[in-house]
Amino acid sequence: MLPILFAESAVQDLEDIRDYYLEQQLPEVGDRFLEEIISSVVELPVHPDRGRIVPEFNRPQLRELIHPPFRIVYHRDKSRLRIVCVWRSERLMRLPCR
């Protein structure tokens, strides 16, 4: 089973999501999104190719899970899964994520 690592950009994205919903006085919504995002990621080692290839890049090792309104982008190689960023679904991807 492949280990999961979070890039600093992905950690910052999760913190930004939490902070946004706190500012909107909806902390329960932010908490729910974070729990759902983490739950989706935790299942990846069982089915690492479950996510679709990110269409903007068409690279088989760069994949994403869609969890509206977010795209959870990860890089898959032979030894690990690395969560790269958590991006709003309506935005086009660019690398680096920031």
Protein backbone atom coordinates (compact mmCIF):
# COMPACT_ATOMS: atom_id res chain seq x y z
CA MET A 1 0.00 0.00 0.00
CA LEU A 2 1.34 3.42 -0.97
CA PRO A 3 1.89 6.05 1.74
CA ILE A 4 0.07 9.38 1.47
CA LEU A 5 1.98 12.63 1.90
CA PHE A 6 0.59 16.17 1.86
CA ALA A 7 2.52 18.91 0.09
CA GLU A 8 2.82 22.17 1.98
CA SER A 9 0.54 23.74 -0.65
CA ALA A 10 -2.20 21.19 0.10
CA VAL A 11 -1.94 21.77 3.84
CA GLN A 12 -2.23 25.51 3.23
CA ASP A 13 -5.26 24.94 0.99
CA LEU A 14 -7.00 22.97 3.76
CA GLU A 15 -6.22 25.70 6.28
CA ASP A 16 -7.57 28.31 3.84
CA ILE A 17 -10.80 26.34 3.42
CA ARG A 18 -11.22 26.15 7.19
CA ASP A 19 -10.45 29.85 7.60
CA TYR A 20 -12.83 30.89 4.83
CA TYR A 21 -15.78 29.12 6.44
CA LEU A 22 -14.81 30.49 9.86
CA GLU A 23 -14.90 34.00 8.39
CA GLN A 24 -18.32 33.25 6.91
CA GLN A 25 -19.42 32.16 10.40
CA LEU A 26 -20.02 28.65 9.08
CA PRO A 27 -17.34 26.61 10.86
CA GLU A 28 -19.44 23.44 10.71
CA VAL A 29 -19.46 23.62 6.90
CA GLY A 30 -15.68 23.99 6.80
CA ASP A 31 -15.25 21.12 9.26
CA ARG A 32 -17.55 18.92 7.18
CA PHE A 33 -15.64 19.68 3.96
CA LEU A 34 -12.30 18.95 5.62
CA GLU A 35 -13.57 15.64 7.02
CA GLU A 36 -14.98 14.63 3.62
CA ILE A 37 -11.79 15.61 1.79
CA ILE A 38 -9.62 13.64 4.23
CA SER A 39 -11.97 10.63 3.98
CA SER A 40 -11.61 10.67 0.19
CA VAL A 41 -7.83 10.84 0.42
CA VAL A 42 -7.53 8.07 3.01
CA GLU A 43 -9.12 5.62 0.54
CA LEU A 44 -6.63 6.39 -2.24
CA PRO A 45 -4.00 3.74 -1.34
CA VAL A 46 -6.58 1.03 -2.03
CA HIS A 47 -7.44 2.46 -5.48
CA PRO A 48 -4.68 4.95 -6.40
CA ASP A 49 -5.89 5.33 -10.00
CA ARG A 50 -9.45 6.09 -8.91
CA GLY A 51 -9.04 9.78 -9.67
CA ARG A 52 -9.23 11.04 -13.22
CA ILE A 53 -6.20 12.42 -15.03
CA VAL A 54 -6.13 16.21 -14.61
CA PRO A 55 -7.39 17.34 -18.05
CA GLU A 56 -5.33 20.55 -18.12
CA PHE A 57 -2.10 18.52 -18.08
CA ASN A 58 -2.99 15.07 -19.44
CA ARG A 59 -0.24 13.40 -17.38
CA PRO A 60 -1.21 9.93 -16.08
CA GLN A 61 0.63 10.43 -12.78
CA LEU A 62 -1.25 13.68 -11.98
CA ARG A 63 -4.79 12.83 -10.94
CA GLU A 64 -7.71 14.40 -9.16
CA LEU A 65 -10.73 13.49 -7.13
CA ILE A 66 -13.73 15.72 -7.57
CA HIS A 67 -15.44 16.62 -4.32
CA PRO A 68 -17.67 19.59 -5.14
CA PRO A 69 -16.80 22.37 -4.91
CA PHE A 70 -13.20 21.13 -4.73
CA ARG A 71 -10.67 19.24 -6.81
CA ILE A 72 -8.24 17.18 -4.74
CA VAL A 73 -5.13 16.94 -6.92
CA TYR A 74 -2.54 14.26 -6.25
CA HIS A 75 0.63 12.93 -7.82
CA ARG A 76 1.03 9.18 -8.00
CA ASP A 77 4.33 7.44 -8.46
CA LYS A 78 5.57 3.95 -7.68
CA SER A 79 6.42 4.67 -4.06
CA ARG A 80 3.85 7.20 -2.79
CA LEU A 81 0.78 9.36 -3.27
CA ARG A 82 1.35 13.07 -2.73
CA ILE A 83 -1.61 15.39 -2.29
CA VAL A 84 -0.55 18.49 -4.24
CA CYS A 85 -3.45 20.88 -3.70
CA VAL A 86 -7.14 21.25 -3.04
CA TRP A 87 -8.53 23.58 -5.68
CA ARG A 88 -11.95 25.12 -6.28
CA SER A 89 -13.58 23.07 -9.07
CA GLU A 90 -14.55 26.03 -11.20
CA ARG A 91 -10.92 27.15 -11.54
CA LEU A 92 -8.52 25.80 -14.13
CA MET A 93 -5.40 24.15 -12.75
CA ARG A 94 -1.96 25.59 -13.05
CA LEU A 95 1.27 24.33 -11.60
CA PRO A 96 2.48 25.07 -9.10
CA CYS A 97 -0.89 25.19 -7.40
CA ARG A 98 -0.33 28.58 -5.80
